[in-house]
């Protein structure tokens, strides 16, 4: 019985070594494929953030800054956008200028007028389009 246990342990250890060697070989030989998969996963989460901001921008179009109740909703949505941009290092760099503008508007709500809201929404949309094009270029390799 002891010999069977030793034999099974030997086969188990050998199998572990073999599986580890195969994993190391695949990691070394397929490192580009593995890194591209991780890159795709990171890009996917980045795209999710961008699509959430787009949805919030579409919500902003439904509200009018002249109406005091709707103005409060606009301020809340803009605060969400600011928080989302601050929380993402890539977005923070790309949106640094408009982030300052948004923070200034949110600190003094009297500055938030319908024309300013529309200008901010348009600028954010254009920056998002630019980011989407840049991401596609990065994925394609241009």
N, C-alpha and C. Protein backbone atom coordinates (compact mmCIF):
# COMPACT_ATOMS: atom_id res chain seq x y z
N UNK A 1 0.81 -1.19 0.00
CA UNK A 1 0.00 0.00 0.00
C UNK A 1 0.85 1.26 0.00
N UNK A 2 1.96 1.23 0.77
CA UNK A 2 2.85 2.38 0.81
C UNK A 2 3.49 2.64 -0.55
N UNK A 3 3.76 1.55 -1.29
CA UNK A 3 4.36 1.70 -2.61
C UNK A 3 3.39 2.37 -3.57
N UNK A 4 2.12 2.08 -3.47
CA UNK A 4 1.11 2.68 -4.34
C UNK A 4 1.01 4.18 -4.05
N UNK A 5 1.04 4.53 -2.77
CA UNK A 5 0.97 5.95 -2.39
C UNK A 5 2.20 6.69 -2.91
N UNK A 6 3.37 6.08 -2.78
CA UNK A 6 4.60 6.70 -3.28
C UNK A 6 4.54 6.86 -4.80
N UNK A 7 4.02 5.84 -5.48
CA UNK A 7 3.92 5.89 -6.94
C UNK A 7 2.93 6.99 -7.36
N UNK A 8 1.81 7.08 -6.71
CA UNK A 8 0.81 8.12 -7.03
C UNK A 8 1.39 9.50 -6.74
N UNK A 9 2.11 9.65 -5.64
CA UNK A 9 2.73 10.93 -5.30
C UNK A 9 3.78 11.31 -6.35
N UNK A 10 4.56 10.33 -6.81
CA UNK A 10 5.56 10.58 -7.84
C UNK A 10 4.90 11.02 -9.15
N UNK A 11 3.86 10.33 -9.56
CA UNK A 11 3.14 10.69 -10.79
C UNK A 11 2.52 12.08 -10.63
N UNK A 12 1.97 12.36 -9.46
CA UNK A 12 1.36 13.66 -9.20
C UNK A 12 2.40 14.78 -9.28
N UNK A 13 3.55 14.56 -8.66
CA UNK A 13 4.62 15.57 -8.70
C UNK A 13 5.12 15.77 -10.12
N UNK A 14 5.30 14.69 -10.85
CA UNK A 14 5.76 14.79 -12.23
C UNK A 14 4.72 15.53 -13.09
N UNK A 15 3.45 15.25 -12.87
CA UNK A 15 2.39 15.93 -13.62
C UNK A 15 2.37 17.43 -13.31
N UNK A 16 2.60 17.78 -12.06
CA UNK A 16 2.65 19.18 -11.67
C UNK A 16 3.81 19.90 -12.35
N UNK A 17 4.96 19.25 -12.37
CA UNK A 17 6.13 19.83 -13.03
C UNK A 17 5.86 20.01 -14.53
N UNK A 18 5.28 19.00 -15.14
CA UNK A 18 4.97 19.06 -16.57
C UNK A 18 3.96 20.17 -16.87
N UNK A 19 2.92 20.28 -16.07
CA UNK A 19 1.91 21.32 -16.27
C UNK A 19 2.51 22.71 -16.08
N UNK A 20 3.39 22.85 -15.11
CA UNK A 20 4.06 24.13 -14.88
C UNK A 20 4.96 24.49 -16.06
N UNK A 21 5.67 23.51 -16.56
CA UNK A 21 6.56 23.76 -17.71
C UNK A 21 5.74 24.17 -18.94
N UNK A 22 4.61 23.53 -19.15
CA UNK A 22 3.74 23.90 -20.28
C UNK A 22 3.21 25.31 -20.10
N UNK A 23 2.81 25.65 -18.87
CA UNK A 23 2.29 27.01 -18.60
C UNK A 23 3.37 28.06 -18.84
N UNK A 24 4.58 27.79 -18.40
CA UNK A 24 5.69 28.74 -18.60
C UNK A 24 6.00 28.86 -20.09
N UNK A 25 6.03 27.74 -20.80
CA UNK A 25 6.29 27.77 -22.23
C UNK A 25 5.22 28.58 -22.96
N UNK A 26 3.96 28.35 -22.64
CA UNK A 26 2.88 29.10 -23.28
C UNK A 26 2.94 30.58 -22.94
N UNK A 27 3.28 30.89 -21.71
CA UNK A 27 3.39 32.29 -21.31
C UNK A 27 4.50 32.99 -22.09
N UNK A 28 5.64 32.32 -22.22
CA UNK A 28 6.77 32.92 -22.94
C UNK A 28 6.48 33.00 -24.44
N UNK A 29 5.95 31.92 -25.00
CA UNK A 29 5.76 31.90 -26.46
C UNK A 29 4.54 32.70 -26.91
N UNK A 30 3.56 32.87 -26.06
CA UNK A 30 2.33 33.58 -26.43
C UNK A 30 2.15 34.88 -25.64
N UNK A 31 3.25 35.48 -25.22
CA UNK A 31 3.15 36.67 -24.36
C UNK A 31 2.45 37.83 -25.07
N UNK A 32 2.64 37.97 -26.40
CA UNK A 32 1.97 39.05 -27.12
C UNK A 32 0.46 38.84 -27.12
N UNK A 33 0.04 37.61 -27.33
CA UNK A 33 -1.40 37.32 -27.33
C UNK A 33 -1.99 37.55 -25.94
N UNK A 34 -1.26 37.13 -24.92
CA UNK A 34 -1.74 37.31 -23.55
C UNK A 34 -1.82 38.79 -23.20
N UNK A 35 -0.79 39.55 -23.58
CA UNK A 35 -0.83 40.99 -23.28
C UNK A 35 -1.90 41.70 -24.08
N UNK A 36 -2.17 41.24 -25.29
CA UNK A 36 -3.25 41.88 -26.07
C UNK A 36 -4.61 41.58 -25.46
N UNK A 37 -4.78 40.40 -24.88
CA UNK A 37 -6.03 40.08 -24.19
C UNK A 37 -6.23 41.00 -23.00
N UNK A 38 -5.17 41.20 -22.22
CA UNK A 38 -5.27 42.12 -21.09
C UNK A 38 -5.53 43.54 -21.56
N UNK A 39 -4.89 43.92 -22.66
CA UNK A 39 -5.14 45.25 -23.24
C UNK A 39 -6.58 45.42 -23.66
N UNK A 40 -7.15 44.37 -24.25
CA UNK A 40 -8.56 44.43 -24.65
C UNK A 40 -9.48 44.55 -23.45
N UNK A 41 -9.15 43.85 -22.37
CA UNK A 41 -9.97 43.94 -21.16
C UNK A 41 -9.91 45.34 -20.57
N UNK A 42 -8.72 45.93 -20.54
CA UNK A 42 -8.58 47.29 -20.01
C UNK A 42 -9.32 48.27 -20.90
N UNK A 43 -9.20 48.09 -22.22
CA UNK A 43 -9.89 48.97 -23.15
C UNK A 43 -11.41 48.83 -23.02
N UNK A 44 -11.87 47.62 -22.76
CA UNK A 44 -13.31 47.40 -22.59
C UNK A 44 -13.84 48.18 -21.39
N UNK A 45 -13.13 48.15 -20.28
CA UNK A 45 -13.59 48.89 -19.10
C UNK A 45 -13.53 50.40 -19.36
N UNK A 46 -12.54 50.82 -20.11
CA UNK A 46 -12.43 52.23 -20.49
C UNK A 46 -13.61 52.63 -21.37
N UNK A 47 -13.97 51.77 -22.32
CA UNK A 47 -15.11 52.05 -23.19
C UNK A 47 -16.42 52.08 -22.40
N UNK A 48 -16.52 51.26 -21.38
CA UNK A 48 -17.71 51.31 -20.52
C UNK A 48 -17.84 52.67 -19.83
N UNK A 49 -16.73 53.19 -19.35
CA UNK A 49 -16.75 54.51 -18.72
C UNK A 49 -17.18 55.58 -19.72
N UNK A 50 -16.65 55.50 -20.93
CA UNK A 50 -17.01 56.48 -21.95
C UNK A 50 -18.49 56.38 -22.31
N UNK A 51 -19.01 55.17 -22.40
CA UNK A 51 -20.43 55.03 -22.76
C UNK A 51 -21.33 55.51 -21.62
N UNK A 52 -20.90 55.34 -20.37
CA UNK A 52 -21.69 55.88 -19.25
C UNK A 52 -21.74 57.40 -19.29
N UNK A 53 -20.61 58.01 -19.62
CA UNK A 53 -20.60 59.48 -19.73
C UNK A 53 -21.50 59.93 -20.87
N UNK A 54 -21.48 59.19 -21.99
CA UNK A 54 -22.36 59.53 -23.12
C UNK A 54 -23.83 59.47 -22.71
N UNK A 55 -24.18 58.45 -21.96
CA UNK A 55 -25.57 58.32 -21.48
C UNK A 55 -25.95 59.51 -20.61
N UNK A 56 -25.04 59.92 -19.75
CA UNK A 56 -25.32 61.06 -18.87
C UNK A 56 -25.45 62.34 -19.68
N UNK A 57 -24.66 62.47 -20.73
CA UNK A 57 -24.79 63.65 -21.59
C UNK A 57 -26.14 63.67 -22.29
N UNK A 58 -26.62 62.52 -22.70
CA UNK A 58 -27.94 62.45 -23.32
C UNK A 58 -29.04 62.83 -22.32
N UNK A 59 -28.86 62.43 -21.08
CA UNK A 59 -29.82 62.82 -20.04
C UNK A 59 -29.85 64.33 -19.88
N UNK A 60 -28.68 64.96 -19.96
CA UNK A 60 -28.61 66.42 -19.78
C UNK A 60 -29.43 67.15 -20.83
N UNK A 61 -29.53 66.60 -22.02
CA UNK A 61 -30.32 67.24 -23.07
C UNK A 61 -31.81 67.27 -22.73
N UNK A 62 -32.24 66.39 -21.87
CA UNK A 62 -33.67 66.33 -21.51
C UNK A 62 -34.07 67.41 -20.51
N UNK A 63 -33.10 68.07 -19.91
CA UNK A 63 -33.40 69.04 -18.86
C UNK A 63 -33.00 70.45 -19.29
N UNK A 64 -33.74 71.42 -18.74
CA UNK A 64 -33.51 72.82 -19.06
C UNK A 64 -32.95 73.52 -17.82
N UNK A 65 -31.86 74.22 -17.99
CA UNK A 65 -31.19 74.87 -16.86
C UNK A 65 -31.99 76.05 -16.31
N UNK A 66 -32.96 76.55 -17.07
CA UNK A 66 -33.76 77.68 -16.61
C UNK A 66 -34.75 77.27 -15.52
N UNK A 67 -35.20 76.03 -15.56
CA UNK A 67 -36.14 75.51 -14.57
C UNK A 67 -35.36 75.13 -13.31
N UNK A 68 -35.75 75.65 -12.16
CA UNK A 68 -34.98 75.43 -10.92
C UNK A 68 -34.95 73.96 -10.51
N UNK A 69 -36.04 73.22 -10.68
CA UNK A 69 -36.04 71.80 -10.34
C UNK A 69 -35.14 71.03 -11.29
N UNK A 70 -35.21 71.32 -12.56
CA UNK A 70 -34.38 70.64 -13.54
C UNK A 70 -32.91 71.05 -13.39
N UNK A 71 -32.70 72.28 -12.95
CA UNK A 71 -31.34 72.76 -12.73
C UNK A 71 -30.65 71.90 -11.67
N UNK A 72 -31.38 71.54 -10.64
CA UNK A 72 -30.83 70.67 -9.58
C UNK A 72 -30.44 69.31 -10.15
N UNK A 73 -31.26 68.77 -11.03
CA UNK A 73 -30.96 67.48 -11.67
C UNK A 73 -29.72 67.62 -12.54
N UNK A 74 -29.63 68.73 -13.27
CA UNK A 74 -28.46 68.97 -14.13
C UNK A 74 -27.19 69.02 -13.29
N UNK A 75 -27.26 69.74 -12.17
CA UNK A 75 -26.09 69.84 -11.29
C UNK A 75 -25.68 68.45 -10.78
N UNK A 76 -26.65 67.64 -10.42
CA UNK A 76 -26.34 66.28 -9.94
C UNK A 76 -25.67 65.44 -11.03
N UNK A 77 -26.20 65.52 -12.25
CA UNK A 77 -25.61 64.75 -13.35
C UNK A 77 -24.19 65.24 -13.65
N UNK A 78 -24.02 66.56 -13.66
CA UNK A 78 -22.69 67.11 -13.90
C UNK A 78 -21.70 66.69 -12.81
N UNK A 79 -22.17 66.64 -11.56
CA UNK A 79 -21.31 66.16 -10.47
C UNK A 79 -20.92 64.70 -10.67
N UNK A 80 -21.85 63.89 -11.17
CA UNK A 80 -21.53 62.49 -11.47
C UNK A 80 -20.46 62.41 -12.55
N UNK A 81 -20.60 63.24 -13.58
CA UNK A 81 -19.62 63.24 -14.66
C UNK A 81 -18.25 63.67 -14.14
N UNK A 82 -18.23 64.72 -13.32
CA UNK A 82 -16.97 65.19 -12.74
C UNK A 82 -16.33 64.08 -11.90
N UNK A 83 -17.11 63.41 -11.09
CA UNK A 83 -16.58 62.32 -10.27
C UNK A 83 -16.05 61.18 -11.10
N UNK A 84 -16.74 60.86 -12.18
CA UNK A 84 -16.29 59.78 -13.04
C UNK A 84 -14.99 60.15 -13.76
N UNK A 85 -14.88 61.39 -14.18
CA UNK A 85 -13.65 61.83 -14.84
C UNK A 85 -12.49 61.84 -13.85
N UNK A 86 -12.73 62.35 -12.65
CA UNK A 86 -11.66 62.38 -11.64
C UNK A 86 -11.20 60.99 -11.25
N UNK A 87 -12.11 60.03 -11.27
CA UNK A 87 -11.78 58.67 -10.86
C UNK A 87 -11.02 57.87 -11.90
N UNK A 88 -10.92 58.36 -13.12
CA UNK A 88 -10.24 57.64 -14.18
C UNK A 88 -9.04 58.47 -14.63
N UNK A 89 -7.85 57.93 -14.43
CA UNK A 89 -6.62 58.69 -14.72
C UNK A 89 -6.52 59.11 -16.18
N UNK A 90 -6.92 58.24 -17.10
CA UNK A 90 -6.86 58.59 -18.52
C UNK A 90 -7.82 59.73 -18.83
N UNK A 91 -9.03 59.63 -18.30
CA UNK A 91 -10.02 60.68 -18.56
C UNK A 91 -9.62 61.98 -17.90
N UNK A 92 -9.03 61.88 -16.72
CA UNK A 92 -8.62 63.08 -15.99
C UNK A 92 -7.63 63.91 -16.80
N UNK A 93 -6.69 63.24 -17.45
CA UNK A 93 -5.70 63.95 -18.26
C UNK A 93 -6.36 64.56 -19.49
N UNK A 94 -7.20 63.79 -20.15
CA UNK A 94 -7.81 64.25 -21.40
C UNK A 94 -8.84 65.36 -21.18
N UNK A 95 -9.52 65.34 -20.05
CA UNK A 95 -10.59 66.30 -19.78
C UNK A 95 -10.18 67.36 -18.75
N UNK A 96 -8.91 67.58 -18.54
CA UNK A 96 -8.46 68.47 -17.46
C UNK A 96 -9.02 69.90 -17.61
N UNK A 97 -9.03 70.42 -18.83
CA UNK A 97 -9.51 71.79 -19.03
C UNK A 97 -11.00 71.91 -18.74
N UNK A 98 -11.77 71.00 -19.31
CA UNK A 98 -13.22 71.09 -19.13
C UNK A 98 -13.60 70.72 -17.69
N UNK A 99 -12.77 69.95 -17.03
CA UNK A 99 -13.01 69.61 -15.63
C UNK A 99 -12.97 70.88 -14.77
N UNK A 100 -12.00 71.74 -15.04
CA UNK A 100 -11.92 73.01 -14.31
C UNK A 100 -13.15 73.87 -14.58
N UNK A 101 -13.59 73.91 -15.84
CA UNK A 101 -14.79 74.68 -16.19
C UNK A 101 -16.01 74.14 -15.46
N UNK A 102 -16.15 72.83 -15.45
CA UNK A 102 -17.29 72.20 -14.77
C UNK A 102 -17.27 72.50 -13.28
N UNK A 103 -16.10 72.39 -12.68
CA UNK A 103 -16.01 72.65 -11.25
C UNK A 103 -16.35 74.10 -10.93
N UNK A 104 -15.94 75.03 -11.81
CA UNK A 104 -16.29 76.43 -11.62
C UNK A 104 -17.79 76.67 -11.72
N UNK A 105 -18.42 76.02 -12.68
CA UNK A 105 -19.87 76.16 -12.83
C UNK A 105 -20.62 75.54 -11.66
N UNK A 106 -20.13 74.43 -11.18
CA UNK A 106 -20.82 73.76 -10.09
C UNK A 106 -20.62 74.48 -8.75
N UNK A 107 -19.53 75.21 -8.62
CA UNK A 107 -19.32 75.95 -7.37
C UNK A 107 -20.22 77.18 -7.30
N UNK A 108 -20.57 77.76 -8.44
CA UNK A 108 -21.49 78.91 -8.49
C UNK A 108 -22.59 78.58 -9.48
N UNK A 109 -23.69 78.07 -8.97
CA UNK A 109 -24.78 77.59 -9.82
C UNK A 109 -25.43 78.69 -10.65
N UNK A 110 -25.23 79.93 -10.27
CA UNK A 110 -25.83 81.02 -11.05
C UNK A 110 -25.20 81.11 -12.43
N UNK A 111 -23.98 80.62 -12.56
CA UNK A 111 -23.30 80.63 -13.85
C UNK A 111 -23.85 79.57 -14.80
N UNK A 112 -24.58 78.60 -14.25
CA UNK A 112 -25.08 77.51 -15.08
C UNK A 112 -26.34 77.95 -15.80
N UNK A 113 -26.18 78.33 -17.06
CA UNK A 113 -27.30 78.73 -17.89
C UNK A 113 -27.49 77.66 -18.96
N UNK A 114 -28.61 77.75 -19.65
CA UNK A 114 -28.88 76.78 -20.71
C UNK A 114 -27.82 76.83 -21.82
N UNK A 115 -27.43 78.02 -22.29
CA UNK A 115 -26.39 78.04 -23.32
C UNK A 115 -25.05 77.45 -22.85
N UNK A 116 -24.68 77.71 -21.60
CA UNK A 116 -23.43 77.13 -21.08
C UNK A 116 -23.54 75.62 -20.95
N UNK A 117 -24.71 75.17 -20.51
CA UNK A 117 -24.91 73.73 -20.39
C UNK A 117 -24.76 73.07 -21.76
N UNK A 118 -25.37 73.67 -22.77
CA UNK A 118 -25.30 73.11 -24.12
C UNK A 118 -23.86 73.14 -24.65
N UNK A 119 -23.13 74.20 -24.35
CA UNK A 119 -21.73 74.29 -24.79
C UNK A 119 -20.89 73.19 -24.13
N UNK A 120 -21.11 72.97 -22.85
CA UNK A 120 -20.35 71.94 -22.14
C UNK A 120 -20.69 70.55 -22.68
N UNK A 121 -21.99 70.31 -22.91
CA UNK A 121 -22.40 69.01 -23.45
C UNK A 121 -21.75 68.80 -24.82
N UNK A 122 -21.76 69.82 -25.66
CA UNK A 122 -21.16 69.69 -26.99
C UNK A 122 -19.66 69.44 -26.91
N UNK A 123 -18.99 70.17 -26.03
CA UNK A 123 -17.55 69.98 -25.90
C UNK A 123 -17.22 68.58 -25.38
N UNK A 124 -17.97 68.13 -24.39
CA UNK A 124 -17.74 66.78 -23.87
C UNK A 124 -17.98 65.73 -24.95
N UNK A 125 -19.02 65.90 -25.75
CA UNK A 125 -19.30 64.95 -26.84
C UNK A 125 -18.13 64.89 -27.82
N UNK A 126 -17.63 66.06 -28.20
CA UNK A 126 -16.52 66.10 -29.16
C UNK A 126 -15.27 65.44 -28.58
N UNK A 127 -15.01 65.70 -27.33
CA UNK A 127 -13.84 65.07 -26.71
C UNK A 127 -14.01 63.56 -26.62
N UNK A 128 -15.23 63.10 -26.35
CA UNK A 128 -15.50 61.67 -26.32
C UNK A 128 -15.32 61.05 -27.71
N UNK A 129 -15.79 61.74 -28.74
CA UNK A 129 -15.60 61.23 -30.11
C UNK A 129 -14.11 61.13 -30.42
N UNK A 130 -13.37 62.16 -30.04
CA UNK A 130 -11.93 62.15 -30.28
C UNK A 130 -11.27 60.97 -29.56
N UNK A 131 -11.70 60.72 -28.33
CA UNK A 131 -11.14 59.58 -27.59
C UNK A 131 -11.48 58.26 -28.26
N UNK A 132 -12.71 58.14 -28.74
CA UNK A 132 -13.11 56.90 -29.42
C UNK A 132 -12.27 56.68 -30.67
N UNK A 133 -12.05 57.73 -31.44
CA UNK A 133 -11.23 57.60 -32.65
C UNK A 133 -9.80 57.24 -32.27
N UNK A 134 -9.29 57.88 -31.23
CA UNK A 134 -7.92 57.59 -30.78
C UNK A 134 -7.80 56.14 -30.32
N UNK A 135 -8.82 55.65 -29.60
CA UNK A 135 -8.78 54.25 -29.13
C UNK A 135 -8.82 53.28 -30.30
N UNK A 136 -9.62 53.58 -31.31
CA UNK A 136 -9.68 52.70 -32.48
C UNK A 136 -8.33 52.70 -33.19
N UNK A 137 -7.73 53.87 -33.33
CA UNK A 137 -6.40 53.95 -33.95
C UNK A 137 -5.38 53.15 -33.16
N UNK A 138 -5.45 53.22 -31.82
CA UNK A 138 -4.52 52.47 -30.98
C UNK A 138 -4.71 50.96 -31.15
N UNK A 139 -5.98 50.54 -31.25
CA UNK A 139 -6.25 49.11 -31.42
C UNK A 139 -5.78 48.61 -32.79
N UNK A 140 -5.98 49.44 -33.81
CA UNK A 140 -5.58 49.04 -35.16
C UNK A 140 -4.07 49.12 -35.30
N UNK A 141 -3.45 50.00 -34.53
CA UNK A 141 -2.00 50.10 -34.57
C UNK A 141 -1.50 51.27 -35.40
N UNK A 142 -2.33 52.27 -35.60
CA UNK A 142 -1.92 53.44 -36.37
C UNK A 142 -1.49 54.55 -35.46
